[in-house]
């Protein structure tokens, strides 16, 4: 999930610390969404529609 996203940021020329900051922000939004909704974490909700339908 995060690995392909990280590779895309590296290809876009982002610095290491910019990628770390973006990853922290992304993870905090995921955690907040889980806590605010009260639902269990579902990693398929984070994938784009094409990839979500391809996963078993």
N, C-alpha and C. Protein backbone atom coordinates (compact mmCIF):
# COMPACT_ATOMS: atom_id res chain seq x y z
N UNK A 1 0.83 -1.18 0.00
CA UNK A 1 0.00 0.00 0.00
C UNK A 1 0.88 1.25 0.00
N UNK A 2 1.70 1.40 1.01
CA UNK A 2 2.52 2.61 1.10
C UNK A 2 3.77 2.54 0.23
N UNK A 3 4.24 1.34 -0.08
CA UNK A 3 5.48 1.21 -0.85
C UNK A 3 5.33 1.80 -2.25
N UNK A 4 4.27 1.47 -2.96
CA UNK A 4 4.09 2.01 -4.31
C UNK A 4 3.86 3.52 -4.26
N UNK A 5 3.18 3.98 -3.23
CA UNK A 5 2.94 5.40 -3.05
C UNK A 5 4.27 6.13 -2.81
N UNK A 6 5.14 5.51 -1.98
CA UNK A 6 6.47 6.08 -1.71
C UNK A 6 7.31 6.15 -2.98
N UNK A 7 7.28 5.10 -3.77
CA UNK A 7 8.04 5.08 -5.02
C UNK A 7 7.56 6.18 -5.97
N UNK A 8 6.27 6.44 -5.98
CA UNK A 8 5.73 7.51 -6.82
C UNK A 8 6.25 8.87 -6.35
N UNK A 9 6.35 9.07 -5.02
CA UNK A 9 6.87 10.33 -4.50
C UNK A 9 8.35 10.50 -4.81
N UNK A 10 9.11 9.40 -4.71
CA UNK A 10 10.54 9.45 -5.05
C UNK A 10 10.71 9.82 -6.52
N UNK A 11 9.90 9.21 -7.38
CA UNK A 11 9.98 9.51 -8.82
C UNK A 11 9.61 10.96 -9.11
N UNK A 12 8.78 11.55 -8.24
CA UNK A 12 8.39 12.94 -8.42
C UNK A 12 9.44 13.91 -7.89
N UNK A 13 10.52 13.35 -7.31
CA UNK A 13 11.63 14.19 -6.85
C UNK A 13 11.50 14.68 -5.43
N UNK A 14 10.63 14.09 -4.63
CA UNK A 14 10.47 14.52 -3.24
C UNK A 14 11.68 14.08 -2.42
N UNK A 15 12.04 14.89 -1.44
CA UNK A 15 13.16 14.54 -0.57
C UNK A 15 12.72 13.48 0.43
N UNK A 16 13.72 12.87 1.07
CA UNK A 16 13.44 11.81 2.04
C UNK A 16 12.55 12.32 3.18
N UNK A 17 12.86 13.49 3.69
CA UNK A 17 12.08 14.02 4.81
C UNK A 17 10.68 14.43 4.38
N UNK A 18 10.51 14.88 3.16
CA UNK A 18 9.18 15.21 2.66
C UNK A 18 8.33 13.95 2.56
N UNK A 19 8.94 12.86 2.16
CA UNK A 19 8.23 11.58 2.07
C UNK A 19 7.86 11.08 3.46
N UNK A 20 8.78 11.22 4.41
CA UNK A 20 8.49 10.81 5.79
C UNK A 20 7.32 11.63 6.35
N UNK A 21 7.34 12.93 6.13
CA UNK A 21 6.26 13.80 6.60
C UNK A 21 4.93 13.45 5.96
N UNK A 22 4.95 13.17 4.66
CA UNK A 22 3.72 12.80 3.97
C UNK A 22 3.19 11.45 4.47
N UNK A 23 4.11 10.53 4.76
CA UNK A 23 3.70 9.22 5.28
C UNK A 23 3.08 9.35 6.67
N UNK A 24 3.67 10.18 7.51
CA UNK A 24 3.10 10.40 8.84
C UNK A 24 1.70 10.99 8.73
N UNK A 25 1.54 11.96 7.85
CA UNK A 25 0.24 12.60 7.65
C UNK A 25 -0.79 11.59 7.15
N UNK A 26 -0.40 10.75 6.22
CA UNK A 26 -1.30 9.74 5.67
C UNK A 26 -1.72 8.74 6.74
N UNK A 27 -0.76 8.28 7.55
CA UNK A 27 -1.07 7.30 8.60
C UNK A 27 -1.95 7.91 9.69
N UNK A 28 -1.71 9.16 10.02
CA UNK A 28 -2.55 9.83 11.03
C UNK A 28 -3.98 9.94 10.53
N UNK A 29 -4.18 10.26 9.25
CA UNK A 29 -5.53 10.35 8.69
C UNK A 29 -6.22 9.00 8.72
N UNK A 30 -5.47 7.93 8.46
CA UNK A 30 -6.04 6.58 8.49
C UNK A 30 -6.46 6.23 9.91
N UNK A 31 -5.58 6.48 10.88
CA UNK A 31 -5.89 6.17 12.28
C UNK A 31 -7.09 6.98 12.76
N UNK A 32 -7.12 8.26 12.43
CA UNK A 32 -8.25 9.09 12.84
C UNK A 32 -9.55 8.58 12.24
N UNK A 33 -9.51 8.19 10.97
CA UNK A 33 -10.72 7.67 10.32
C UNK A 33 -11.24 6.42 10.99
N UNK A 34 -10.33 5.54 11.39
CA UNK A 34 -10.73 4.30 12.08
C UNK A 34 -11.32 4.64 13.45
N UNK A 35 -10.66 5.51 14.19
CA UNK A 35 -11.14 5.85 15.52
C UNK A 35 -12.46 6.63 15.48
N UNK A 36 -12.59 7.54 14.54
CA UNK A 36 -13.81 8.35 14.46
C UNK A 36 -15.01 7.53 14.00
N UNK A 37 -14.78 6.58 13.11
CA UNK A 37 -15.90 5.79 12.58
C UNK A 37 -16.27 4.62 13.49
N UNK A 38 -15.32 4.16 14.28
CA UNK A 38 -15.58 3.01 15.14
C UNK A 38 -15.54 1.68 14.40
N UNK A 39 -15.20 1.71 13.12
CA UNK A 39 -15.13 0.48 12.33
C UNK A 39 -13.72 -0.10 12.40
N UNK A 40 -13.61 -1.39 12.10
CA UNK A 40 -12.30 -2.01 12.06
C UNK A 40 -11.54 -1.54 10.82
N UNK A 41 -10.23 -1.60 10.91
CA UNK A 41 -9.37 -1.20 9.80
C UNK A 41 -9.54 -2.17 8.64
N UNK A 42 -9.76 -1.64 7.45
CA UNK A 42 -9.91 -2.45 6.24
C UNK A 42 -8.96 -1.89 5.19
N UNK A 43 -7.82 -2.56 4.94
CA UNK A 43 -6.83 -2.02 3.99
C UNK A 43 -7.35 -1.92 2.56
N UNK A 44 -8.37 -2.67 2.19
CA UNK A 44 -8.89 -2.57 0.82
C UNK A 44 -9.58 -1.24 0.57
N UNK A 45 -10.01 -0.56 1.61
CA UNK A 45 -10.64 0.75 1.44
C UNK A 45 -9.63 1.82 1.03
N UNK A 46 -8.34 1.55 1.25
CA UNK A 46 -7.30 2.52 0.92
C UNK A 46 -6.80 2.39 -0.50
N UNK A 47 -7.12 1.27 -1.14
CA UNK A 47 -6.62 1.02 -2.50
C UNK A 47 -7.51 1.70 -3.53
N UNK A 48 -6.92 2.10 -4.66
CA UNK A 48 -7.75 2.61 -5.75
C UNK A 48 -8.72 1.54 -6.23
N UNK A 49 -9.85 1.90 -6.80
CA UNK A 49 -10.86 0.92 -7.21
C UNK A 49 -10.33 -0.21 -8.09
N UNK A 50 -9.41 0.08 -8.99
CA UNK A 50 -8.86 -0.97 -9.87
C UNK A 50 -8.13 -2.04 -9.06
N UNK A 51 -7.31 -1.60 -8.08
CA UNK A 51 -6.54 -2.55 -7.28
C UNK A 51 -7.40 -3.25 -6.25
N UNK A 52 -8.40 -2.57 -5.72
CA UNK A 52 -9.25 -3.17 -4.70
C UNK A 52 -10.03 -4.36 -5.27
N UNK A 53 -10.46 -4.27 -6.52
CA UNK A 53 -11.22 -5.37 -7.11
C UNK A 53 -10.30 -6.53 -7.52
N UNK A 54 -9.00 -6.27 -7.66
CA UNK A 54 -8.07 -7.31 -8.09
C UNK A 54 -7.51 -8.13 -6.93
N UNK A 55 -7.65 -7.63 -5.69
CA UNK A 55 -7.10 -8.36 -4.55
C UNK A 55 -8.06 -9.47 -4.13
N UNK A 56 -7.49 -10.61 -3.68
CA UNK A 56 -8.35 -11.73 -3.27
C UNK A 56 -9.05 -11.50 -1.95
